[in-house]
C-alpha atoms as a PDB file:
ATOM      1  CA  MET A   1       0.000   0.000   0.000  1.00  0.00           C
ATOM      2  CA  ARG A   2       2.801   2.404   0.839  1.00  0.00           C
ATOM      3  CA  ALA A   3       4.523   1.722  -2.459  1.00  0.00           C
ATOM      4  CA  VAL A   4       1.305   2.490  -4.355  1.00  0.00           C
ATOM      5  CA  TRP A   5       0.474   5.616  -2.316  1.00  0.00           C
ATOM      6  CA  PHE A   6       3.980   7.070  -2.463  1.00  0.00           C
ATOM      7  CA  ALA A   7       4.958   5.594  -5.879  1.00  0.00           C
ATOM      8  CA  ASP A   8       8.302   4.709  -4.374  1.00  0.00           C
ATOM      9  CA  TYR A   9       9.867   1.314  -3.774  1.00  0.00           C
ATOM     10  CA  THR A  10      13.084  -0.623  -4.144  1.00  0.00           C
ATOM     11  CA  SER A  11      13.153  -3.314  -6.803  1.00  0.00           C
ATOM     12  CA  ARG A  12      15.448  -6.293  -6.412  1.00  0.00           C
ATOM     13  CA  THR A  13      16.589  -5.884 -10.006  1.00  0.00           C
ATOM     14  CA  ASP A  14      16.240  -2.161 -10.754  1.00  0.00           C
ATOM     15  CA  GLY A  15      17.036  -0.522  -7.419  1.00  0.00           C
ATOM     16  CA  LYS A  16      15.045   2.540  -6.389  1.00  0.00           C
ATOM     17  CA  VAL A  17      11.901   3.116  -8.461  1.00  0.00           C
ATOM     18  CA  ALA A  18       9.831   6.285  -8.068  1.00  0.00           C
ATOM     19  CA  GLY A  19       7.310   8.303 -10.018  1.00  0.00           C
ATOM     20  CA  PRO A  20       4.253  10.530  -9.710  1.00  0.00           C
ATOM     21  CA  SER A  21       2.302   9.497  -6.643  1.00  0.00           C
ATOM     22  CA  LEU A  22      -1.199   9.510  -5.270  1.00  0.00           C
ATOM     23  CA  GLN A  23       0.315  11.279  -2.258  1.00  0.00           C
ATOM     24  CA  GLY A  24       1.441  14.139  -4.483  1.00  0.00           C
ATOM     25  CA  LEU A  25      -1.911  14.387  -6.224  1.00  0.00           C
ATOM     26  CA  VAL A  26      -3.879  14.433  -2.977  1.00  0.00           C
ATOM     27  CA  ALA A  27      -1.418  16.831  -1.309  1.00  0.00           C
ATOM     28  CA  ALA A  28      -1.965  19.301  -4.147  1.00  0.00           C
ATOM     29  CA  THR A  29      -5.721  19.311  -3.609  1.00  0.00           C
ATOM     30  CA  ASP A  30      -6.202  18.409   0.080  1.00  0.00           C
ATOM     31  CA  PRO A  31      -3.028  18.651   2.195  1.00  0.00           C
ATOM     32  CA  GLY A  32      -4.898  17.653   5.364  1.00  0.00           C
ATOM     33  CA  LEU A  33      -6.085  14.404   3.819  1.00  0.00           C
ATOM     34  CA  ALA A  34      -2.581  13.722   2.513  1.00  0.00           C
ATOM     35  CA  ARG A  35      -1.167  14.162   6.052  1.00  0.00           C
ATOM     36  CA  GLN A  36      -3.888  11.932   7.487  1.00  0.00           C
ATOM     37  CA  MET A  37      -3.156   9.187   4.958  1.00  0.00           C
ATOM     38  CA  ARG A  38       0.582   9.381   5.693  1.00  0.00           C
ATOM     39  CA  GLN A  39      -0.116   9.059   9.431  1.00  0.00           C
ATOM     40  CA  ARG A  40      -2.396   6.084   8.878  1.00  0.00           C
ATOM     41  CA  LEU A  41       0.066   4.348   6.582  1.00  0.00           C
ATOM     42  CA  ASP A  42       2.848   4.998   9.105  1.00  0.00           C
ATOM     43  CA  ALA A  43       0.685   3.486  11.866  1.00  0.00           C
ATOM     44  CA  THR A  44      -0.060   0.437   9.729  1.00  0.00           C
ATOM     45  CA  HIS A  45       3.619   0.026   8.928  1.00  0.00           C
ATOM     46  CA  ALA A  46       4.543   0.246  12.625  1.00  0.00           C
ATOM     47  CA  ALA A  47       1.882  -2.315  13.608  1.00  0.00           C
ATOM     48  CA  ALA A  48       3.004  -4.700  10.864  1.00  0.00           C
ATOM     49  CA  ARG A  49       6.638  -4.232  11.857  1.00  0.00           C
ATOM     50  CA  ALA A  50       5.758  -5.134  15.461  1.00  0.00           C
ATOM     51  CA  MET A  51       4.044  -8.299  14.238  1.00  0.00           C
ATOM     52  CA  VAL A  52       7.037  -9.285  12.094  1.00  0.00           C
ATOM     53  CA  ASP A  53       9.449  -8.570  14.949  1.00  0.00           C
ATOM     54  CA  ARG A  54       7.370 -10.757  17.272  1.00  0.00           C
ATOM     55  CA  ALA A  55       7.271 -13.528  14.657  1.00  0.00           C
ATOM     56  CA  GLU A  56      11.045 -13.377  14.245  1.00  0.00           C
ATOM     57  CA  THR A  57      11.896 -13.331  17.935  1.00  0.00           C
ATOM     58  CA  ARG A  58       9.093 -14.802  19.998  1.00  0.00           C
ATOM     59  CA  GLU A  59       6.413 -16.873  18.285  1.00  0.00           C
ATOM     60  CA  ALA A  60       5.115 -17.758  14.843  1.00  0.00           C
ATOM     61  CA  TYR A  61       2.058 -16.076  13.366  1.00  0.00           C
ATOM     62  CA  ASP A  62      -0.143 -19.144  13.897  1.00  0.00           C
ATOM     63  CA  GLN A  63       0.786 -19.027  17.575  1.00  0.00           C
ATOM     64  CA  MET A  64      -0.071 -15.307  17.758  1.00  0.00           C
ATOM     65  CA  ILE A  65      -3.611 -15.977  16.566  1.00  0.00           C
ATOM     66  CA  GLY A  66      -4.093 -19.036  18.765  1.00  0.00           C
ATOM     67  CA  ASP A  67      -6.675 -19.310  21.523  1.00  0.00           C
ATOM     68  CA  GLY A  68      -5.420 -18.276  24.925  1.00  0.00           C
ATOM     69  CA  ASN A  69      -2.814 -15.829  23.614  1.00  0.00           C
ATOM     70  CA  PRO A  70      -4.247 -12.366  24.304  1.00  0.00           C
ATOM     71  CA  ALA A  71      -0.897 -10.613  23.785  1.00  0.00           C
ATOM     72  CA  GLY A  72      -0.306 -12.252  20.408  1.00  0.00           C
ATOM     73  CA  ASN A  73      -3.942 -11.733  19.406  1.00  0.00           C
ATOM     74  CA  ALA A  74      -3.589  -8.020  20.213  1.00  0.00           C
ATOM     75  CA  VAL A  75      -0.526  -7.663  17.984  1.00  0.00           C
ATOM     76  CA  VAL A  76      -2.377  -9.176  15.018  1.00  0.00           C
ATOM     77  CA  GLN A  77      -5.546  -7.218  15.793  1.00  0.00           C
ATOM     78  CA  ALA A  78      -3.540  -3.969  15.789  1.00  0.00           C
ATOM     79  CA  VAL A  79      -2.487  -4.671  12.201  1.00  0.00           C
ATOM     80  CA  ILE A  80      -6.051  -5.506  11.177  1.00  0.00           C
ATOM     81  CA  ASP A  81      -7.413  -2.378  12.848  1.00  0.00           C
ATOM     82  CA  SER A  82      -4.825  -0.122  11.229  1.00  0.00           C
ATOM     83  CA  LEU A  83      -5.500  -1.643   7.800  1.00  0.00           C
ATOM     84  CA  THR A  84      -9.196  -1.019   8.319  1.00  0.00           C
ATOM     85  CA  GLU A  85      -8.505   2.628   9.149  1.00  0.00           C
END
C-alpha cells in the first residue's frame, strides 16, 4: 500500500523506483487528507513491523492468533485495525 500511495519502492533488479504518486496528487488538492493518509500508513507500517518482529523473535504467526494468547492476538488485531482505518 505504501509503495502504491507514495509511488516509491526498491526493486530487487532495478534498485530505487519512483514516479508521480497519489500522495502528491492528494497533497496538491487536500493537504490535510494527505497528512492523514501518511499518518495512517505509518501506523499500519509500525503495527506490521511489530508483528514481524514478534514472529522473528518470539512466536510464529499461527501461535499469535491461537486461543489463549491475548498478547499475540492483540498484535495481530492492531495490524487488522490499522489496515481497516
